[in-house]
Amino acid sequence: MSDLSTPLARAPRPLDSINPRPLGIALLLVALGAVYLAQTVSGRQAALYVVGALLGMTLYHAAFGFTSAWRVFIADGRGAGLRAQMAMLAIGVLLFFPALAAGTLFGHPVTGLVSPAGTSVIVGAFMFGVGMQLGGGCASGTLYTVGGGSTRMVVTLIAFIVGSVVATAHMPFWTSMPQLKPFSFVNAFGAAPAIALNLVVFALIAALTVVVEKRRHGRLINEPRAPHTSPWLHGPWPLLAGAVALAILNFATLALSGRPWGVTSAFALWGAKGFATLGIDVASWKYWMAGPNAAALAAPASHDVTTVMDIGIVLGAMAAASLAGRYAPVWRTPLRSLAAAVIGGLLLGYGARLAYGCNIGAYFSGIVSGSLHGWLWLVCAFAGNVLGTKLRPLFGLEVERLKNTGC
């Protein structure tokens, strides 16, 4: 039997099985939001909102989860999800590095997400990795599963927001810890050598997953076939299709906003605005006192690129779940699972701020920006996932394993 918590292995459904009400609500909110943003902010902001919705549809229909992909590789040696991530990153560097080296794209200035690599990234990424497995999702995964109707992930998201804003109060301490200056492979080596180096590493990681999977199962485990006659509408999509779409949509984000896709800075902003309404003077915290963070805190949330894209992701996933006939929120969640959601969410939020981003802003966008901190994030977050996977059974959470079919 299929697990209703995942968009894979869906039973065939005719067109009349689409959930029309949530689909209509999601599409209406996307349309109204785009019109509102175009009139009150800019056409680019409206376009980024739509890109966010397309990201949400892609994440849901391709079931492109970073958390589950890492967990099944750690616990069961299955590497299809990791190989899809390497394909996504390979396409990303091919698109991003030439534009970043030139400094402009379609006549507009662009910059990558390049951050220092040091203590805060090591600690933050490890915390984030543990949080991924306890919370049940990463940053993008939390948003798209909330949009898909997961009530447990609403708890994770709330804790994620709280952890994010608390971390901003502690950032002066963490940024004072030892760290390297921001390092860009594109700036250091040039676009072509940096592309070649990254492609070799991606290929080596993909090859490693093949070796591990064949040793564990004797063969590569085939991806489930779509049961629908029109899978591009209902899903699920092949993982590779999701990888291609995510890379292209991230590039569209770069073209429209001048920087790559990010997710979690908006969570810190939402938390800060929420704390401020409770009378907490977050504007006096060093993190929010100057620069872009101060400007974001003072401005309406609709002016924040990451905010509008995050909302778009939720609505896009809601539309995708409705098209799949699977938008059916379940309100009963075991207490141990809720406890894991709270702990995991706090770790996700706090870790993301320390590490200068999450699986999107630090890992995906960091690596396609040529940033060394993106690679450090990958190593440390993967280590955190190992611990988090071992902790899941303590909270009654599943660790998916197939029967050993190895030779």
Protein backbone atom coordinates (compact mmCIF):
# COMPACT_ATOMS: atom_id res chain seq x y z
CA MET A 1 0.00 0.00 0.00
CA SER A 2 1.15 3.53 -0.66
CA ASP A 3 2.02 5.98 2.09
CA LEU A 4 -0.18 9.05 1.86
CA SER A 5 2.64 11.20 3.24
CA THR A 6 4.60 10.89 0.00
CA PRO A 7 3.62 11.81 -3.57
CA LEU A 8 5.16 8.58 -4.94
CA ALA A 9 3.31 5.38 -5.83
CA ARG A 10 -0.05 7.03 -6.45
CA ALA A 11 -3.00 5.02 -7.61
CA PRO A 12 -4.34 5.89 -11.08
CA ARG A 13 -6.93 8.63 -10.94
CA PRO A 14 -9.22 10.09 -13.62
CA LEU A 15 -9.42 13.83 -14.14
CA ASP A 16 -12.55 14.09 -12.00
CA SER A 17 -10.56 12.90 -8.97
CA ILE A 18 -8.62 16.20 -8.87
CA ASN A 19 -9.31 18.10 -5.66
CA PRO A 20 -11.04 21.11 -7.28
CA ARG A 21 -11.56 23.37 -4.27
CA PRO A 22 -7.95 23.55 -3.00
CA LEU A 23 -6.73 23.68 -6.60
CA GLY A 24 -8.97 26.65 -7.33
CA ILE A 25 -7.93 28.40 -4.11
CA ALA A 26 -4.22 27.86 -4.84
CA LEU A 27 -4.45 29.10 -8.43
CA LEU A 28 -6.59 32.07 -7.44
CA LEU A 29 -4.12 33.11 -4.74
CA VAL A 30 -1.21 32.79 -7.17
CA ALA A 31 -3.02 34.95 -9.73
CA LEU A 32 -4.20 37.57 -7.21
CA GLY A 33 -0.79 37.66 -5.55
CA ALA A 34 0.96 38.21 -8.87
CA VAL A 35 -1.37 41.07 -9.77
CA TYR A 36 -0.95 42.65 -6.32
CA LEU A 37 2.84 42.44 -6.44
CA ALA A 38 2.97 43.81 -9.98
CA GLN A 39 0.93 46.84 -8.91
CA THR A 40 2.49 47.51 -5.50
CA VAL A 41 6.09 46.34 -5.86
CA SER A 42 7.23 45.49 -9.39
CA GLY A 43 6.72 43.17 -12.31
CA ARG A 44 9.91 41.35 -11.36
CA GLN A 45 8.57 40.66 -7.88
CA ALA A 46 5.39 39.25 -9.39
CA ALA A 47 7.45 37.06 -11.73
CA LEU A 48 9.51 35.77 -8.80
CA TYR A 49 6.27 34.87 -7.00
CA VAL A 50 5.22 32.80 -10.01
CA VAL A 51 8.68 31.20 -10.16
CA GLY A 52 8.19 30.24 -6.51
CA ALA A 53 4.88 28.59 -7.39
CA LEU A 54 6.57 26.64 -10.20
CA LEU A 55 9.28 25.56 -7.76
CA GLY A 56 6.59 24.30 -5.38
CA MET A 57 4.90 22.29 -8.14
CA THR A 58 8.23 20.83 -9.21
CA LEU A 59 9.27 19.88 -5.68
CA TYR A 60 5.95 18.16 -5.02
CA HIS A 61 5.45 16.40 -8.36
CA ALA A 62 9.06 15.19 -8.51
CA ALA A 63 9.04 14.36 -4.78
CA PHE A 64 12.42 16.09 -4.81
CA GLY A 65 13.24 15.71 -1.14
CA PHE A 66 16.77 16.28 0.10
CA THR A 67 15.95 14.76 3.49
CA SER A 68 14.52 11.45 2.29
CA ALA A 69 17.18 11.11 -0.43
CA TRP A 70 19.97 11.39 2.13
CA ARG A 71 18.18 9.13 4.62
CA VAL A 72 17.64 6.21 2.24
CA PHE A 73 21.26 6.43 1.12
CA ILE A 74 22.55 6.50 4.70
CA ALA A 75 20.25 3.73 5.93
CA ASP A 76 19.78 1.60 2.84
CA GLY A 77 22.42 2.53 0.27
CA ARG A 78 19.91 3.73 -2.35
CA GLY A 79 21.40 6.68 -4.23
CA ALA A 80 18.89 7.75 -6.88
CA GLY A 81 18.04 10.92 -4.97
CA LEU A 82 21.68 11.86 -4.49
CA ARG A 83 22.42 11.22 -8.16
CA ALA A 84 19.52 13.50 -9.08
CA GLN A 85 21.01 16.18 -6.83
CA MET A 86 24.37 15.84 -8.58
CA ALA A 87 22.61 16.23 -11.95
CA MET A 88 20.85 19.33 -10.65
CA LEU A 89 24.13 20.81 -9.43
CA ALA A 90 25.90 19.97 -12.71
CA ILE A 91 23.25 21.77 -14.76
CA GLY A 92 23.39 24.61 -12.25
CA VAL A 93 27.12 25.26 -12.54
CA LEU A 94 26.91 25.10 -16.33
CA LEU A 95 24.27 27.84 -16.23
CA PHE A 96 25.55 29.91 -13.32
CA PHE A 97 29.33 30.04 -13.58
CA PRO A 98 29.56 31.86 -16.95
CA ALA A 99 26.99 34.44 -15.80
CA LEU A 100 28.69 34.95 -12.44
CA ALA A 101 32.09 35.28 -14.10
CA ALA A 102 30.67 37.95 -16.41
CA GLY A 103 28.90 39.69 -13.54
CA THR A 104 25.83 40.37 -15.63
CA LEU A 105 22.93 38.39 -17.05
CA PHE A 106 20.66 39.82 -19.73
CA GLY A 107 22.13 43.23 -18.99
CA HIS A 108 21.52 43.12 -15.23
CA PRO A 109 24.17 42.67 -12.50
CA VAL A 110 24.23 39.28 -10.77
CA THR A 111 26.11 37.95 -7.76
CA GLY A 112 26.38 34.53 -6.16
CA LEU A 113 25.69 33.48 -2.59
CA VAL A 114 29.30 33.31 -1.40
CA SER A 115 29.80 33.21 2.38
CA PRO A 116 32.66 32.51 4.82
CA ALA A 117 33.52 28.88 5.53
CA GLY A 118 34.29 28.25 9.17
CA THR A 119 33.07 27.33 12.62
CA SER A 120 29.55 28.65 12.24
CA VAL A 121 29.03 26.69 9.01
CA ILE A 122 30.39 23.49 10.56
CA VAL A 123 28.16 23.75 13.65
CA GLY A 124 25.13 25.14 11.83
CA ALA A 125 25.15 22.65 8.96
CA PHE A 126 25.52 19.72 11.37
CA MET A 127 22.58 21.00 13.45
CA PHE A 128 20.58 21.48 10.27
CA GLY A 129 21.35 17.92 9.19
CA VAL A 130 20.06 16.48 12.47
CA GLY A 131 17.02 18.73 12.21
CA MET A 132 16.27 17.51 8.69
CA GLN A 133 15.69 13.98 9.92
CA LEU A 134 13.80 14.87 13.10
CA GLY A 135 11.74 17.66 11.56
CA GLY A 136 10.95 15.49 8.55
CA GLY A 137 12.15 17.89 5.89
CA CYS A 138 14.66 20.50 4.82
CA ALA A 139 13.83 24.14 4.09
CA SER A 140 12.26 23.61 0.67
CA GLY A 141 10.84 20.28 1.84
CA THR A 142 9.09 21.92 4.78
CA LEU A 143 7.43 24.47 2.51
CA TYR A 144 6.30 22.06 -0.19
CA THR A 145 4.95 19.50 2.27
CA VAL A 146 3.06 22.23 4.13
CA GLY A 147 1.59 23.23 0.78
CA GLY A 148 0.82 19.58 0.09
CA GLY A 149 -1.32 19.39 3.22
CA SER A 150 1.02 18.03 5.90
CA THR A 151 -0.18 19.37 9.24
CA ARG A 152 2.85 17.95 11.09
CA MET A 153 5.11 20.07 8.91
CA VAL A 154 3.22 23.19 9.99
CA VAL A 155 4.62 22.50 13.46
CA THR A 156 8.11 22.05 11.99
CA LEU A 157 7.75 25.34 10.09
CA ILE A 158 6.69 27.29 13.19
CA ALA A 159 9.64 25.90 15.16
CA PHE A 160 11.88 26.58 12.14
CA ILE A 161 10.86 30.25 12.24
CA VAL A 162 11.46 30.51 15.99
CA GLY A 163 14.87 28.86 15.73
CA SER A 164 15.82 31.20 12.89
CA VAL A 165 15.07 34.42 14.72
CA VAL A 166 16.70 33.23 17.96
CA ALA A 167 19.86 32.48 15.97
CA THR A 168 19.97 36.07 14.71
CA ALA A 169 20.36 37.22 18.34
CA HIS A 170 23.45 35.00 18.67
CA MET A 171 25.06 35.73 15.29
CA PRO A 172 27.67 38.19 16.63
CA PHE A 173 29.13 35.37 18.74
CA TRP A 174 29.18 32.86 15.90
CA THR A 175 30.62 35.27 13.33
CA SER A 176 33.46 36.03 15.78
CA MET A 177 34.52 32.38 15.70
CA PRO A 178 37.35 31.27 13.36
CA GLN A 179 36.37 31.26 9.70
CA LEU A 180 37.89 31.69 6.26
CA LYS A 181 37.15 34.69 4.10
CA PRO A 182 34.48 34.11 1.44
CA PHE A 183 36.02 32.02 -1.35
CA SER A 184 34.61 31.65 -4.87
CA PHE A 185 35.97 29.01 -7.23
CA VAL A 186 34.70 31.11 -10.14
CA ASN A 187 36.67 34.16 -9.04
CA ALA A 188 39.74 32.14 -8.11
CA PHE A 189 40.03 29.89 -11.19
CA GLY A 190 37.72 31.30 -13.84
CA ALA A 191 34.45 29.86 -15.12
CA ALA A 192 35.75 27.02 -17.33
CA PRO A 193 38.25 25.47 -14.84
CA ALA A 194 35.72 25.85 -12.01
CA ILE A 195 33.06 24.09 -14.10
CA ALA A 196 35.44 21.24 -14.93
CA LEU A 197 36.48 20.80 -11.28
CA ASN A 198 32.90 20.76 -10.05
CA LEU A 199 31.70 18.35 -12.74
CA VAL A 200 34.45 15.90 -11.79
CA VAL A 201 33.41 16.02 -8.13
CA PHE A 202 29.73 15.57 -9.01
CA ALA A 203 30.61 12.57 -11.17
CA LEU A 204 32.70 11.03 -8.39
CA ILE A 205 29.88 11.42 -5.86
CA ALA A 206 27.38 9.91 -8.29
CA ALA A 207 29.75 7.02 -9.01
CA LEU A 208 30.18 6.41 -5.29
CA THR A 209 26.41 6.11 -4.86
CA VAL A 210 26.32 3.55 -7.69
CA VAL A 211 29.04 1.46 -6.05
CA VAL A 212 27.34 1.60 -2.65
CA GLU A 213 23.91 0.76 -4.07
CA LYS A 214 25.15 -2.20 -6.10
CA ARG A 215 27.04 -3.58 -3.11
CA ARG A 216 23.98 -3.26 -0.93
CA HIS A 217 21.32 -4.45 -3.37
CA GLY A 218 23.21 -6.14 -6.19
CA ARG A 219 21.74 -3.70 -8.71
CA LEU A 220 20.44 -0.15 -9.04
CA ILE A 221 16.94 0.19 -7.66
CA ASN A 222 14.58 1.38 -10.40
CA GLU A 223 12.53 4.50 -9.83
CA PRO A 224 8.77 3.79 -9.51
CA ARG A 225 6.87 4.35 -12.74
CA ALA A 226 4.10 6.92 -12.84
CA PRO A 227 0.70 5.17 -12.63
CA HIS A 228 -1.17 8.06 -14.27
CA THR A 229 -1.81 8.27 -17.99
CA SER A 230 -0.88 11.99 -17.79
CA PRO A 231 1.93 12.08 -15.20
CA TRP A 232 3.09 15.60 -16.14
CA LEU A 233 -0.24 16.90 -14.87
CA HIS A 234 -0.84 14.54 -11.94
CA GLY A 235 2.71 13.42 -11.11
CA PRO A 236 4.93 11.86 -10.04
CA TRP A 237 7.66 13.22 -12.29
CA PRO A 238 10.98 11.45 -12.83
CA LEU A 239 13.67 12.68 -10.44
CA LEU A 240 15.82 13.80 -13.37
CA ALA A 241 12.99 15.97 -14.67
CA GLY A 242 12.78 17.57 -11.24
CA ALA A 243 16.54 18.16 -11.20
CA VAL A 244 16.44 19.90 -14.58
CA ALA A 245 13.43 22.03 -13.65
CA LEU A 246 14.92 23.13 -10.31
CA ALA A 247 18.21 24.14 -11.93
CA ILE A 248 16.43 26.16 -14.61
CA LEU A 249 14.08 27.83 -12.13
CA ASN A 250 17.02 28.74 -9.89
CA PHE A 251 18.67 30.32 -12.92
CA ALA A 252 15.43 32.22 -13.60
CA THR A 253 15.63 33.48 -10.00
CA LEU A 254 19.18 34.69 -10.64
CA ALA A 255 18.05 36.49 -13.80
CA LEU A 256 15.08 38.17 -12.10
CA SER A 257 16.49 39.01 -8.67
CA GLY A 258 20.23 39.24 -9.34
CA ARG A 259 21.03 36.43 -6.89
CA PRO A 260 20.29 32.70 -6.61
CA TRP A 261 17.35 31.06 -4.86
CA GLY A 262 17.21 31.13 -1.07
CA VAL A 263 14.58 30.09 1.46
CA THR A 264 15.41 30.57 5.13
CA SER A 265 16.29 34.25 5.39
CA ALA A 266 12.54 34.85 5.10
CA PHE A 267 11.91 32.62 8.12
CA ALA A 268 14.22 34.78 10.23
CA LEU A 269 12.47 37.89 8.90
CA TRP A 270 9.00 36.53 9.68
CA GLY A 271 10.14 35.59 13.16
CA ALA A 272 11.69 39.01 13.75
CA LYS A 273 8.52 40.78 12.66
CA GLY A 274 6.52 38.46 14.90
CA PHE A 275 8.79 39.09 17.88
CA ALA A 276 8.51 42.85 17.25
CA THR A 277 4.71 42.69 17.42
CA LEU A 278 5.11 41.05 20.85
CA GLY A 279 7.15 44.03 22.02
CA ILE A 280 10.61 42.49 21.67
CA ASP A 281 13.07 45.07 20.33
CA VAL A 282 14.71 42.91 17.65
CA ALA A 283 15.74 46.06 15.76
CA SER A 284 18.36 46.62 18.47
CA TRP A 285 19.98 43.25 17.78
CA LYS A 286 23.18 43.64 15.80
CA TYR A 287 21.95 41.32 13.02
CA TRP A 288 19.01 43.65 12.31
CA MET A 289 20.68 47.02 12.93
CA ALA A 290 22.15 47.81 9.52
CA GLY A 291 22.37 46.84 5.86
CA PRO A 292 19.90 44.65 3.97
CA ASN A 293 18.59 42.99 7.13
CA ALA A 294 17.59 46.33 8.66
CA ALA A 295 15.97 47.38 5.40
CA ALA A 296 14.04 44.12 5.17
CA LEU A 297 12.81 44.43 8.75
CA ALA A 298 11.55 47.97 8.13
CA ALA A 299 9.93 47.23 4.76
CA PRO A 300 6.66 45.39 4.10
CA ALA A 301 7.11 41.63 3.72
CA SER A 302 5.86 41.87 0.14
CA HIS A 303 9.09 43.65 -0.80
CA ASP A 304 11.22 40.69 0.31
CA VAL A 305 12.11 38.41 -2.60
CA THR A 306 12.55 35.30 -0.45
CA THR A 307 9.21 35.85 1.29
CA VAL A 308 7.18 36.05 -1.90
CA MET A 309 8.98 33.04 -3.38
CA ASP A 310 8.40 30.99 -0.22
CA ILE A 311 4.69 31.77 -0.29
CA GLY A 312 4.68 30.85 -3.97
CA ILE A 313 6.29 27.49 -3.15
CA VAL A 314 3.54 26.66 -0.65
CA LEU A 315 0.78 27.56 -3.11
CA GLY A 316 2.46 25.76 -6.01
CA ALA A 317 2.75 22.59 -3.92
CA MET A 318 -0.89 22.96 -2.87
CA ALA A 319 -1.88 23.12 -6.53
CA ALA A 320 0.26 20.07 -7.36
CA ALA A 321 -1.19 18.05 -4.48
CA SER A 322 -4.69 18.99 -5.64
CA LEU A 323 -3.92 17.96 -9.22
CA ALA A 324 -2.71 14.63 -7.87
CA GLY A 325 -5.92 14.23 -5.89
CA ARG A 326 -3.92 14.02 -2.67
CA TYR A 327 -4.70 17.25 -0.84
CA ALA A 328 -6.20 15.84 2.36
CA PRO A 329 -4.72 17.25 5.59
CA VAL A 330 -4.53 14.80 8.48
CA TRP A 331 -4.85 16.44 11.88
CA ARG A 332 -3.88 13.56 14.15
CA THR A 333 -0.16 13.22 14.79
CA PRO A 334 1.47 11.13 17.56
CA LEU A 335 2.99 13.14 20.40
CA ARG A 336 6.48 11.70 19.85
CA SER A 337 6.30 12.76 16.22
CA LEU A 338 5.19 16.26 17.23
CA ALA A 339 8.08 16.46 19.69
CA ALA A 340 10.47 15.53 16.89
CA ALA A 341 8.88 18.20 14.69
CA VAL A 342 9.48 20.89 17.33
CA ILE A 343 13.05 19.82 18.10
CA GLY A 344 13.86 19.33 14.44
CA GLY A 345 12.37 22.67 13.46
CA LEU A 346 14.36 24.54 16.09
CA LEU A 347 17.57 22.85 14.93
CA LEU A 348 16.74 23.62 11.30
CA GLY A 349 16.13 27.29 11.97
CA TYR A 350 19.08 27.87 14.25
CA GLY A 351 21.44 25.84 12.06
CA ALA A 352 20.42 27.58 8.84
CA ARG A 353 21.30 31.03 10.17
CA LEU A 354 24.67 29.87 11.53
CA ALA A 355 25.54 28.16 8.24
CA TYR A 356 24.55 31.12 6.04
CA GLY A 357 21.75 29.11 4.50
CA CYS A 358 20.01 25.80 4.18
CA ASN A 359 19.91 22.97 1.65
CA ILE A 360 18.89 25.60 -0.92
CA GLY A 361 20.74 28.80 0.01
CA ALA A 362 23.96 27.14 1.21
CA TYR A 363 24.04 23.74 -0.55
CA PHE A 364 22.30 24.17 -3.92
CA SER A 365 22.75 27.91 -4.49
CA GLY A 366 26.05 28.03 -2.59
CA ILE A 367 27.65 25.36 -4.78
CA VAL A 368 26.28 26.76 -8.05
CA SER A 369 27.64 30.14 -6.88
CA GLY A 370 31.09 28.57 -6.64
CA SER A 371 31.25 29.11 -2.87
CA LEU A 372 33.55 26.96 -0.76
CA HIS A 373 31.09 27.20 2.12
CA GLY A 374 28.55 25.25 0.06
CA TRP A 375 30.86 22.22 -0.03
CA LEU A 376 31.63 22.53 3.67
CA TRP A 377 27.89 22.69 4.33
CA LEU A 378 27.35 19.47 2.34
CA VAL A 379 29.92 17.50 4.34
CA CYS A 380 28.76 18.72 7.75
CA ALA A 381 25.04 18.49 7.00
CA PHE A 382 25.48 14.94 5.72
CA ALA A 383 27.19 14.04 9.01
CA GLY A 384 24.24 15.55 10.86
CA ASN A 385 21.87 13.47 8.75
CA VAL A 386 23.70 10.32 9.82
CA LEU A 387 23.02 11.14 13.47
CA GLY A 388 19.49 12.31 12.75
CA THR A 389 18.68 9.06 10.91
CA LYS A 390 19.82 7.07 13.96
CA LEU A 391 17.65 9.21 16.23
CA ARG A 392 14.44 8.88 14.19
CA PRO A 393 13.27 5.56 15.72
CA LEU A 394 13.38 7.13 19.19
CA PHE A 395 10.54 9.40 18.05
CA GLY A 396 8.60 6.69 16.26
CA LEU A 397 9.72 7.90 12.83
CA GLU A 398 10.31 5.48 9.98
CA VAL A 399 13.69 4.71 8.44
CA GLU A 400 12.92 3.24 5.02
CA ARG A 401 14.78 0.05 4.11
CA LEU A 402 14.34 -2.54 1.38
CA LYS A 403 15.03 -6.21 1.87
CA ASN A 404 18.64 -7.02 1.06
CA THR A 405 18.80 -8.18 -2.55
CA GLY A 406 22.56 -8.06 -2.80
CA CYS A 407 24.59 -10.93 -4.18
